[in-house]
ModelCIF file with pLDDT and N, C-alpha, C, O atoms, coordinates in Angstrom:
data_MODEL
#
_entry.id   MODEL 
#
_entity.id                         1 
_entity.type                       polymer 
_entity.pdbx_number_of_molecules   1 
#
_entity_poly.entity_id                      1 
_entity_poly.type                           'polypeptide(L)' 
_entity_poly.nstd_linkage                   no 
_entity_poly.nstd_monomer                   no 
_entity_poly.pdbx_seq_one_letter_code       
;(UNK)(UNK)(UNK)(UNK)(UNK)(UNK)(UNK)(UNK)(UNK)(UNK)(UNK)(UNK)(UNK)(UNK)(UNK)(UNK)
(UNK)(UNK)(UNK)(UNK)(UNK)(UNK)(UNK)(UNK)(UNK)(UNK)(UNK)(UNK)(UNK)(UNK)(UNK)(UNK)
(UNK)(UNK)(UNK)(UNK)(UNK)(UNK)(UNK)(UNK)(UNK)(UNK)
;
_entity_poly.pdbx_seq_one_letter_code_can   XXXXXXXXXXXXXXXXXXXXXXXXXXXXXXXXXXXXXXXXXX 
_entity_poly.pdbx_strand_id                 A 
#
loop_
_entity_poly_seq.entity_id 
_entity_poly_seq.num 
_entity_poly_seq.mon_id 
_entity_poly_seq.hetero 
1 1  UNK n 
1 2  UNK n 
1 3  UNK n 
1 4  UNK n 
1 5  UNK n 
1 6  UNK n 
1 7  UNK n 
1 8  UNK n 
1 9  UNK n 
1 10 UNK n 
1 11 UNK n 
1 12 UNK n 
1 13 UNK n 
1 14 UNK n 
1 15 UNK n 
1 16 UNK n 
1 17 UNK n 
1 18 UNK n 
1 19 UNK n 
1 20 UNK n 
1 21 UNK n 
1 22 UNK n 
1 23 UNK n 
1 24 UNK n 
1 25 UNK n 
1 26 UNK n 
1 27 UNK n 
1 28 UNK n 
1 29 UNK n 
1 30 UNK n 
1 31 UNK n 
1 32 UNK n 
1 33 UNK n 
1 34 UNK n 
1 35 UNK n 
1 36 UNK n 
1 37 UNK n 
1 38 UNK n 
1 39 UNK n 
1 40 UNK n 
1 41 UNK n 
1 42 UNK n 
#
_struct_asym.id          A 
_struct_asym.entity_id   1 
#
loop_
_ma_qa_metric.id 
_ma_qa_metric.mode 
_ma_qa_metric.name 
_ma_qa_metric.software_group_id 
_ma_qa_metric.type 
1 global pLDDT . pLDDT 
2 local  pLDDT . pLDDT 
#
_ma_qa_metric_global.metric_id      1 
_ma_qa_metric_global.metric_value   89.31 
_ma_qa_metric_global.model_id       1 
_ma_qa_metric_global.ordinal_id     1 
#
loop_
_ma_qa_metric_local.label_asym_id 
_ma_qa_metric_local.label_comp_id 
_ma_qa_metric_local.label_seq_id 
_ma_qa_metric_local.metric_id 
_ma_qa_metric_local.metric_value 
_ma_qa_metric_local.model_id 
_ma_qa_metric_local.ordinal_id 
A UNK 1  2 97.00 1 1  
A UNK 2  2 97.00 1 2  
A UNK 3  2 94.00 1 3  
A UNK 4  2 90.00 1 4  
A UNK 5  2 83.00 1 5  
A UNK 6  2 79.00 1 6  
A UNK 7  2 81.00 1 7  
A UNK 8  2 81.00 1 8  
A UNK 9  2 82.00 1 9  
A UNK 10 2 81.00 1 10 
A UNK 11 2 84.00 1 11 
A UNK 12 2 85.00 1 12 
A UNK 13 2 89.00 1 13 
A UNK 14 2 91.00 1 14 
A UNK 15 2 91.00 1 15 
A UNK 16 2 91.00 1 16 
A UNK 17 2 92.00 1 17 
A UNK 18 2 91.00 1 18 
A UNK 19 2 86.00 1 19 
A UNK 20 2 93.00 1 20 
A UNK 21 2 94.00 1 21 
A UNK 22 2 91.00 1 22 
A UNK 23 2 91.00 1 23 
A UNK 24 2 88.00 1 24 
A UNK 25 2 87.00 1 25 
A UNK 26 2 84.00 1 26 
A UNK 27 2 84.00 1 27 
A UNK 28 2 80.00 1 28 
A UNK 29 2 84.00 1 29 
A UNK 30 2 85.00 1 30 
A UNK 31 2 86.00 1 31 
A UNK 32 2 92.00 1 32 
A UNK 33 2 93.00 1 33 
A UNK 34 2 93.00 1 34 
A UNK 35 2 94.00 1 35 
A UNK 36 2 96.00 1 36 
A UNK 37 2 95.00 1 37 
A UNK 38 2 94.00 1 38 
A UNK 39 2 95.00 1 39 
A UNK 40 2 96.00 1 40 
A UNK 41 2 95.00 1 41 
A UNK 42 2 96.00 1 42 
#
loop_
_atom_site.group_PDB 
_atom_site.id 
_atom_site.type_symbol 
_atom_site.label_atom_id 
_atom_site.label_alt_id 
_atom_site.label_comp_id 
_atom_site.label_asym_id 
_atom_site.label_entity_id 
_atom_site.label_seq_id 
_atom_site.pdbx_PDB_ins_code 
_atom_site.Cartn_x 
_atom_site.Cartn_y 
_atom_site.Cartn_z 
_atom_site.occupancy 
_atom_site.B_iso_or_equiv 
_atom_site.pdbx_formal_charge 
_atom_site.auth_seq_id 
_atom_site.auth_comp_id 
_atom_site.auth_asym_id 
_atom_site.auth_atom_id 
_atom_site.pdbx_PDB_model_num 
ATOM 1   N N  . UNK A 1 1  ? -12.739 14.070 28.869 1.00 97.00 ? 1  UNK A N  1 
ATOM 2   C CA . UNK A 1 1  ? -13.905 14.201 29.753 1.00 97.00 ? 1  UNK A CA 1 
ATOM 3   C C  . UNK A 1 1  ? -13.953 15.561 30.440 1.00 97.00 ? 1  UNK A C  1 
ATOM 4   O O  . UNK A 1 1  ? -14.817 15.808 31.282 1.00 97.00 ? 1  UNK A O  1 
ATOM 5   N N  . UNK A 1 2  ? -13.013 16.449 30.075 1.00 97.00 ? 2  UNK A N  1 
ATOM 6   C CA . UNK A 1 2  ? -13.007 17.777 30.658 1.00 97.00 ? 2  UNK A CA 1 
ATOM 7   C C  . UNK A 1 2  ? -12.378 17.839 32.034 1.00 97.00 ? 2  UNK A C  1 
ATOM 8   O O  . UNK A 1 2  ? -12.597 18.796 32.777 1.00 97.00 ? 2  UNK A O  1 
ATOM 9   N N  . UNK A 1 3  ? -11.595 16.822 32.381 1.00 94.00 ? 3  UNK A N  1 
ATOM 10  C CA . UNK A 1 3  ? -10.937 16.793 33.687 1.00 94.00 ? 3  UNK A CA 1 
ATOM 11  C C  . UNK A 1 3  ? -9.435  16.955 33.484 1.00 94.00 ? 3  UNK A C  1 
ATOM 12  O O  . UNK A 1 3  ? -8.843  16.302 32.625 1.00 94.00 ? 3  UNK A O  1 
ATOM 13  N N  . UNK A 1 4  ? -8.826  17.826 34.277 1.00 90.00 ? 4  UNK A N  1 
ATOM 14  C CA . UNK A 1 4  ? -7.401  18.114 34.133 1.00 90.00 ? 4  UNK A CA 1 
ATOM 15  C C  . UNK A 1 4  ? -6.702  18.056 35.493 1.00 90.00 ? 4  UNK A C  1 
ATOM 16  O O  . UNK A 1 4  ? -6.244  19.080 36.001 1.00 90.00 ? 4  UNK A O  1 
ATOM 17  N N  . UNK A 1 5  ? -6.622  16.853 36.083 1.00 83.00 ? 5  UNK A N  1 
ATOM 18  C CA . UNK A 1 5  ? -5.973  16.729 37.388 1.00 83.00 ? 5  UNK A CA 1 
ATOM 19  C C  . UNK A 1 5  ? -4.459  16.822 37.260 1.00 83.00 ? 5  UNK A C  1 
ATOM 20  O O  . UNK A 1 5  ? -3.906  16.734 36.164 1.00 83.00 ? 5  UNK A O  1 
ATOM 21  N N  . UNK A 1 6  ? -3.802  17.000 38.395 1.00 79.00 ? 6  UNK A N  1 
ATOM 22  C CA . UNK A 1 6  ? -2.350  16.940 38.428 1.00 79.00 ? 6  UNK A CA 1 
ATOM 23  C C  . UNK A 1 6  ? -1.956  15.470 38.388 1.00 79.00 ? 6  UNK A C  1 
ATOM 24  O O  . UNK A 1 6  ? -2.328  14.703 39.277 1.00 79.00 ? 6  UNK A O  1 
ATOM 25  N N  . UNK A 1 7  ? -1.217  15.077 37.378 1.00 81.00 ? 7  UNK A N  1 
ATOM 26  C CA . UNK A 1 7  ? -0.745  13.697 37.254 1.00 81.00 ? 7  UNK A CA 1 
ATOM 27  C C  . UNK A 1 7  ? 0.757   13.689 37.495 1.00 81.00 ? 7  UNK A C  1 
ATOM 28  O O  . UNK A 1 7  ? 1.499   14.445 36.867 1.00 81.00 ? 7  UNK A O  1 
ATOM 29  N N  . UNK A 1 8  ? 1.197   12.842 38.397 1.00 81.00 ? 8  UNK A N  1 
ATOM 30  C CA . UNK A 1 8  ? 2.607   12.770 38.741 1.00 81.00 ? 8  UNK A CA 1 
ATOM 31  C C  . UNK A 1 8  ? 3.066   11.333 38.560 1.00 81.00 ? 8  UNK A C  1 
ATOM 32  O O  . UNK A 1 8  ? 2.458   10.414 39.110 1.00 81.00 ? 8  UNK A O  1 
ATOM 33  N N  . UNK A 1 9  ? 4.133   11.130 37.794 1.00 82.00 ? 9  UNK A N  1 
ATOM 34  C CA . UNK A 1 9  ? 4.710   9.803  37.601 1.00 82.00 ? 9  UNK A CA 1 
ATOM 35  C C  . UNK A 1 9  ? 6.037   9.749  38.344 1.00 82.00 ? 9  UNK A C  1 
ATOM 36  O O  . UNK A 1 9  ? 6.828   10.690 38.283 1.00 82.00 ? 9  UNK A O  1 
ATOM 37  N N  . UNK A 1 10 ? 6.276   8.658  39.039 1.00 81.00 ? 10 UNK A N  1 
ATOM 38  C CA . UNK A 1 10 ? 7.547   8.506  39.724 1.00 81.00 ? 10 UNK A CA 1 
ATOM 39  C C  . UNK A 1 10 ? 7.361   7.915  41.099 1.00 81.00 ? 10 UNK A C  1 
ATOM 40  O O  . UNK A 1 10 ? 6.285   7.413  41.424 1.00 81.00 ? 10 UNK A O  1 
ATOM 41  N N  . UNK A 1 11 ? 8.388   7.968  41.902 1.00 84.00 ? 11 UNK A N  1 
ATOM 42  C CA . UNK A 1 11 ? 8.351   7.452  43.261 1.00 84.00 ? 11 UNK A CA 1 
ATOM 43  C C  . UNK A 1 11 ? 7.532   8.409  44.110 1.00 84.00 ? 11 UNK A C  1 
ATOM 44  O O  . UNK A 1 11 ? 7.939   9.548  44.341 1.00 84.00 ? 11 UNK A O  1 
ATOM 45  N N  . UNK A 1 12 ? 6.387   7.952  44.570 1.00 85.00 ? 12 UNK A N  1 
ATOM 46  C CA . UNK A 1 12 ? 5.472   8.814  45.292 1.00 85.00 ? 12 UNK A CA 1 
ATOM 47  C C  . UNK A 1 12 ? 5.627   8.827  46.792 1.00 85.00 ? 12 UNK A C  1 
ATOM 48  O O  . UNK A 1 12 ? 4.780   9.389  47.486 1.00 85.00 ? 12 UNK A O  1 
ATOM 49  N N  . UNK A 1 13 ? 6.670   8.234  47.315 1.00 89.00 ? 13 UNK A N  1 
ATOM 50  C CA . UNK A 1 13 ? 6.831   8.134  48.760 1.00 89.00 ? 13 UNK A CA 1 
ATOM 51  C C  . UNK A 1 13 ? 6.758   9.486  49.460 1.00 89.00 ? 13 UNK A C  1 
ATOM 52  O O  . UNK A 1 13 ? 6.213   9.591  50.559 1.00 89.00 ? 13 UNK A O  1 
ATOM 53  N N  . UNK A 1 14 ? 7.309   10.523 48.825 1.00 91.00 ? 14 UNK A N  1 
ATOM 54  C CA . UNK A 1 14 ? 7.302   11.855 49.435 1.00 91.00 ? 14 UNK A CA 1 
ATOM 55  C C  . UNK A 1 14 ? 6.122   12.703 48.979 1.00 91.00 ? 14 UNK A C  1 
ATOM 56  O O  . UNK A 1 14 ? 6.018   13.875 49.342 1.00 91.00 ? 14 UNK A O  1 
ATOM 57  N N  . UNK A 1 15 ? 5.233   12.112 48.185 1.00 91.00 ? 15 UNK A N  1 
ATOM 58  C CA . UNK A 1 15 ? 4.099   12.867 47.687 1.00 91.00 ? 15 UNK A CA 1 
ATOM 59  C C  . UNK A 1 15 ? 4.544   13.860 46.634 1.00 91.00 ? 15 UNK A C  1 
ATOM 60  O O  . UNK A 1 15 ? 5.545   13.650 45.949 1.00 91.00 ? 15 UNK A O  1 
ATOM 61  N N  . UNK A 1 16 ? 3.787   14.953 46.510 1.00 91.00 ? 16 UNK A N  1 
ATOM 62  C CA . UNK A 1 16 ? 4.097   16.006 45.548 1.00 91.00 ? 16 UNK A CA 1 
ATOM 63  C C  . UNK A 1 16 ? 3.649   17.321 46.164 1.00 91.00 ? 16 UNK A C  1 
ATOM 64  O O  . UNK A 1 16 ? 2.552   17.805 45.888 1.00 91.00 ? 16 UNK A O  1 
ATOM 65  N N  . UNK A 1 17 ? 4.502   17.892 46.997 1.00 92.00 ? 17 UNK A N  1 
ATOM 66  C CA . UNK A 1 17 ? 4.161   19.057 47.806 1.00 92.00 ? 17 UNK A CA 1 
ATOM 67  C C  . UNK A 1 17 ? 3.877   20.314 46.993 1.00 92.00 ? 17 UNK A C  1 
ATOM 68  O O  . UNK A 1 17 ? 3.199   21.216 47.484 1.00 92.00 ? 17 UNK A O  1 
ATOM 69  N N  . UNK A 1 18 ? 4.381   20.395 45.753 1.00 91.00 ? 18 UNK A N  1 
ATOM 70  C CA . UNK A 1 18 ? 4.251   21.611 44.955 1.00 91.00 ? 18 UNK A CA 1 
ATOM 71  C C  . UNK A 1 18 ? 2.800   22.048 44.749 1.00 91.00 ? 18 UNK A C  1 
ATOM 72  O O  . UNK A 1 18 ? 2.539   23.247 44.649 1.00 91.00 ? 18 UNK A O  1 
ATOM 73  N N  . UNK A 1 19 ? 1.861   21.126 44.683 1.00 86.00 ? 19 UNK A N  1 
ATOM 74  C CA . UNK A 1 19 ? 0.473   21.488 44.437 1.00 86.00 ? 19 UNK A CA 1 
ATOM 75  C C  . UNK A 1 19 ? -0.443  21.261 45.623 1.00 86.00 ? 19 UNK A C  1 
ATOM 76  O O  . UNK A 1 19 ? -1.657  21.432 45.509 1.00 86.00 ? 19 UNK A O  1 
ATOM 77  N N  . UNK A 1 20 ? 0.111   20.885 46.747 1.00 93.00 ? 20 UNK A N  1 
ATOM 78  C CA . UNK A 1 20 ? -0.695  20.550 47.923 1.00 93.00 ? 20 UNK A CA 1 
ATOM 79  C C  . UNK A 1 20 ? -1.362  21.794 48.489 1.00 93.00 ? 20 UNK A C  1 
ATOM 80  O O  . UNK A 1 20 ? -0.843  22.894 48.300 1.00 93.00 ? 20 UNK A O  1 
ATOM 81  N N  . UNK A 1 21 ? -2.471  21.665 49.164 1.00 94.00 ? 21 UNK A N  1 
ATOM 82  C CA . UNK A 1 21 ? -3.143  20.405 49.498 1.00 94.00 ? 21 UNK A CA 1 
ATOM 83  C C  . UNK A 1 21 ? -4.065  19.938 48.363 1.00 94.00 ? 21 UNK A C  1 
ATOM 84  O O  . UNK A 1 21 ? -4.614  20.746 47.613 1.00 94.00 ? 21 UNK A O  1 
ATOM 85  N N  . UNK A 1 22 ? -4.215  18.641 48.262 1.00 91.00 ? 22 UNK A N  1 
ATOM 86  C CA . UNK A 1 22 ? -5.039  18.008 47.237 1.00 91.00 ? 22 UNK A CA 1 
ATOM 87  C C  . UNK A 1 22 ? -6.377  17.583 47.818 1.00 91.00 ? 22 UNK A C  1 
ATOM 88  O O  . UNK A 1 22 ? -6.498  17.347 49.020 1.00 91.00 ? 22 UNK A O  1 
ATOM 89  N N  . UNK A 1 23 ? -7.376  17.487 46.956 1.00 91.00 ? 23 UNK A N  1 
ATOM 90  C CA . UNK A 1 23 ? -8.694  17.015 47.380 1.00 91.00 ? 23 UNK A CA 1 
ATOM 91  C C  . UNK A 1 23 ? -8.691  15.507 47.597 1.00 91.00 ? 23 UNK A C  1 
ATOM 92  O O  . UNK A 1 23 ? -9.377  14.995 48.482 1.00 91.00 ? 23 UNK A O  1 
ATOM 93  N N  . UNK A 1 24 ? -7.910  14.802 46.777 1.00 88.00 ? 24 UNK A N  1 
ATOM 94  C CA . UNK A 1 24 ? -7.839  13.346 46.893 1.00 88.00 ? 24 UNK A CA 1 
ATOM 95  C C  . UNK A 1 24 ? -6.566  12.847 46.215 1.00 88.00 ? 24 UNK A C  1 
ATOM 96  O O  . UNK A 1 24 ? -5.957  13.551 45.410 1.00 88.00 ? 24 UNK A O  1 
ATOM 97  N N  . UNK A 1 25 ? -6.181  11.629 46.555 1.00 87.00 ? 25 UNK A N  1 
ATOM 98  C CA . UNK A 1 25 ? -5.021  10.984 45.952 1.00 87.00 ? 25 UNK A CA 1 
ATOM 99  C C  . UNK A 1 25 ? -5.493  9.671  45.347 1.00 87.00 ? 25 UNK A C  1 
ATOM 100 O O  . UNK A 1 25 ? -6.180  8.891  46.006 1.00 87.00 ? 25 UNK A O  1 
ATOM 101 N N  . UNK A 1 26 ? -5.126  9.426  44.096 1.00 84.00 ? 26 UNK A N  1 
ATOM 102 C CA . UNK A 1 26 ? -5.436  8.165  43.434 1.00 84.00 ? 26 UNK A CA 1 
ATOM 103 C C  . UNK A 1 26 ? -4.107  7.550  43.035 1.00 84.00 ? 26 UNK A C  1 
ATOM 104 O O  . UNK A 1 26 ? -3.332  8.162  42.300 1.00 84.00 ? 26 UNK A O  1 
ATOM 105 N N  . UNK A 1 27 ? -3.842  6.361  43.510 1.00 84.00 ? 27 UNK A N  1 
ATOM 106 C CA . UNK A 1 27 ? -2.574  5.692  43.210 1.00 84.00 ? 27 UNK A CA 1 
ATOM 107 C C  . UNK A 1 27 ? -2.843  4.445  42.380 1.00 84.00 ? 27 UNK A C  1 
ATOM 108 O O  . UNK A 1 27 ? -3.772  3.689  42.660 1.00 84.00 ? 27 UNK A O  1 
ATOM 109 N N  . UNK A 1 28 ? -2.027  4.241  41.365 1.00 80.00 ? 28 UNK A N  1 
ATOM 110 C CA . UNK A 1 28 ? -2.142  3.043  40.529 1.00 80.00 ? 28 UNK A CA 1 
ATOM 111 C C  . UNK A 1 28 ? -0.946  2.137  40.813 1.00 80.00 ? 28 UNK A C  1 
ATOM 112 O O  . UNK A 1 28 ? -0.187  1.770  39.916 1.00 80.00 ? 28 UNK A O  1 
ATOM 113 N N  . UNK A 1 29 ? -0.807  1.791  42.086 1.00 84.00 ? 29 UNK A N  1 
ATOM 114 C CA . UNK A 1 29 ? 0.290   0.923  42.513 1.00 84.00 ? 29 UNK A CA 1 
ATOM 115 C C  . UNK A 1 29 ? -0.142  0.207  43.788 1.00 84.00 ? 29 UNK A C  1 
ATOM 116 O O  . UNK A 1 29 ? -1.136  0.579  44.413 1.00 84.00 ? 29 UNK A O  1 
ATOM 117 N N  . UNK A 1 30 ? 0.592   -0.796 44.160 1.00 85.00 ? 30 UNK A N  1 
ATOM 118 C CA . UNK A 1 30 ? 0.321   -1.497 45.409 1.00 85.00 ? 30 UNK A CA 1 
ATOM 119 C C  . UNK A 1 30 ? 1.059   -0.825 46.558 1.00 85.00 ? 30 UNK A C  1 
ATOM 120 O O  . UNK A 1 30 ? 2.211   -0.415 46.411 1.00 85.00 ? 30 UNK A O  1 
ATOM 121 N N  . UNK A 1 31 ? 0.399   -0.715 47.687 1.00 86.00 ? 31 UNK A N  1 
ATOM 122 C CA . UNK A 1 31 ? 1.008   -0.098 48.869 1.00 86.00 ? 31 UNK A CA 1 
ATOM 123 C C  . UNK A 1 31 ? 0.704   -0.955 50.091 1.00 86.00 ? 31 UNK A C  1 
ATOM 124 O O  . UNK A 1 31 ? -0.412  -1.457 50.228 1.00 86.00 ? 31 UNK A O  1 
ATOM 125 N N  . UNK A 1 32 ? 1.667   -1.129 50.970 1.00 92.00 ? 32 UNK A N  1 
ATOM 126 C CA . UNK A 1 32 ? 1.427   -1.822 52.249 1.00 92.00 ? 32 UNK A CA 1 
ATOM 127 C C  . UNK A 1 32 ? 0.911   -0.847 53.293 1.00 92.00 ? 32 UNK A C  1 
ATOM 128 O O  . UNK A 1 32 ? 0.101   -1.204 54.148 1.00 92.00 ? 32 UNK A O  1 
ATOM 129 N N  . UNK A 1 33 ? 1.397   0.405  53.210 1.00 93.00 ? 33 UNK A N  1 
ATOM 130 C CA . UNK A 1 33 ? 0.935   1.471  54.103 1.00 93.00 ? 33 UNK A CA 1 
ATOM 131 C C  . UNK A 1 33 ? 0.807   2.748  53.280 1.00 93.00 ? 33 UNK A C  1 
ATOM 132 O O  . UNK A 1 33 ? 1.414   2.878  52.217 1.00 93.00 ? 33 UNK A O  1 
ATOM 133 N N  . UNK A 1 34 ? 0.028   3.669  53.774 1.00 93.00 ? 34 UNK A N  1 
ATOM 134 C CA . UNK A 1 34 ? -0.123  4.954  53.099 1.00 93.00 ? 34 UNK A CA 1 
ATOM 135 C C  . UNK A 1 34 ? 0.984   5.873  53.601 1.00 93.00 ? 34 UNK A C  1 
ATOM 136 O O  . UNK A 1 34 ? 1.106   6.087  54.807 1.00 93.00 ? 34 UNK A O  1 
ATOM 137 N N  . UNK A 1 35 ? 1.798   6.422  52.691 1.00 94.00 ? 35 UNK A N  1 
ATOM 138 C CA . UNK A 1 35 ? 2.877   7.314  53.115 1.00 94.00 ? 35 UNK A CA 1 
ATOM 139 C C  . UNK A 1 35 ? 2.329   8.533  53.861 1.00 94.00 ? 35 UNK A C  1 
ATOM 140 O O  . UNK A 1 35 ? 1.302   9.090  53.472 1.00 94.00 ? 35 UNK A O  1 
ATOM 141 N N  . UNK A 1 36 ? 3.000   8.938  54.914 1.00 96.00 ? 36 UNK A N  1 
ATOM 142 C CA . UNK A 1 36 ? 2.584   10.089 55.718 1.00 96.00 ? 36 UNK A CA 1 
ATOM 143 C C  . UNK A 1 36 ? 2.460   11.345 54.864 1.00 96.00 ? 36 UNK A C  1 
ATOM 144 O O  . UNK A 1 36 ? 1.569   12.161 55.100 1.00 96.00 ? 36 UNK A O  1 
ATOM 145 N N  . UNK A 1 37 ? 3.334   11.515 53.878 1.00 95.00 ? 37 UNK A N  1 
ATOM 146 C CA . UNK A 1 37 ? 3.284   12.695 53.016 1.00 95.00 ? 37 UNK A CA 1 
ATOM 147 C C  . UNK A 1 37 ? 1.959   12.785 52.277 1.00 95.00 ? 37 UNK A C  1 
ATOM 148 O O  . UNK A 1 37 ? 1.446   13.885 52.068 1.00 95.00 ? 37 UNK A O  1 
ATOM 149 N N  . UNK A 1 38 ? 1.398   11.655 51.880 1.00 94.00 ? 38 UNK A N  1 
ATOM 150 C CA . UNK A 1 38 ? 0.116   11.670 51.169 1.00 94.00 ? 38 UNK A CA 1 
ATOM 151 C C  . UNK A 1 38 ? -0.979  12.218 52.072 1.00 94.00 ? 38 UNK A C  1 
ATOM 152 O O  . UNK A 1 38 ? -1.824  12.998 51.633 1.00 94.00 ? 38 UNK A O  1 
ATOM 153 N N  . UNK A 1 39 ? -0.962  11.814 53.311 1.00 95.00 ? 39 UNK A N  1 
ATOM 154 C CA . UNK A 1 39 ? -1.981  12.272 54.283 1.00 95.00 ? 39 UNK A CA 1 
ATOM 155 C C  . UNK A 1 39 ? -1.787  13.756 54.560 1.00 95.00 ? 39 UNK A C  1 
ATOM 156 O O  . UNK A 1 39 ? -2.753  14.520 54.572 1.00 95.00 ? 39 UNK A O  1 
ATOM 157 N N  . UNK A 1 40 ? -0.550  14.164 54.780 1.00 96.00 ? 40 UNK A N  1 
ATOM 158 C CA . UNK A 1 40 ? -0.238  15.562 55.074 1.00 96.00 ? 40 UNK A CA 1 
ATOM 159 C C  . UNK A 1 40 ? -0.572  16.490 53.917 1.00 96.00 ? 40 UNK A C  1 
ATOM 160 O O  . UNK A 1 40 ? -0.905  17.655 54.140 1.00 96.00 ? 40 UNK A O  1 
ATOM 161 N N  . UNK A 1 41 ? -0.490  15.992 52.674 1.00 95.00 ? 41 UNK A N  1 
ATOM 162 C CA . UNK A 1 41 ? -0.698  16.814 51.499 1.00 95.00 ? 41 UNK A CA 1 
ATOM 163 C C  . UNK A 1 41 ? -2.135  16.749 50.958 1.00 95.00 ? 41 UNK A C  1 
ATOM 164 O O  . UNK A 1 41 ? -2.422  17.304 49.898 1.00 95.00 ? 41 UNK A O  1 
ATOM 165 N N  . UNK A 1 42 ? -3.023  16.083 51.673 1.00 96.00 ? 42 UNK A N  1 
ATOM 166 C CA . UNK A 1 42 ? -4.421  15.961 51.254 1.00 96.00 ? 42 UNK A CA 1 
ATOM 167 C C  . UNK A 1 42 ? -5.314  16.700 52.232 1.00 96.00 ? 42 UNK A C  1 
ATOM 168 O O  . UNK A 1 42 ? -6.533  16.722 52.061 1.00 96.00 ? 42 UNK A O  1 
#
């Protein structure tokens, strides 16, 4: 579809600071709370 987002597989608790800040985060997992790192890196 012509889209090339950063895809990260693994434990996302700490986010992925290498490419931050991000426009949005899409998670394909269940979460009880949103990790602080995700908010800080978006």
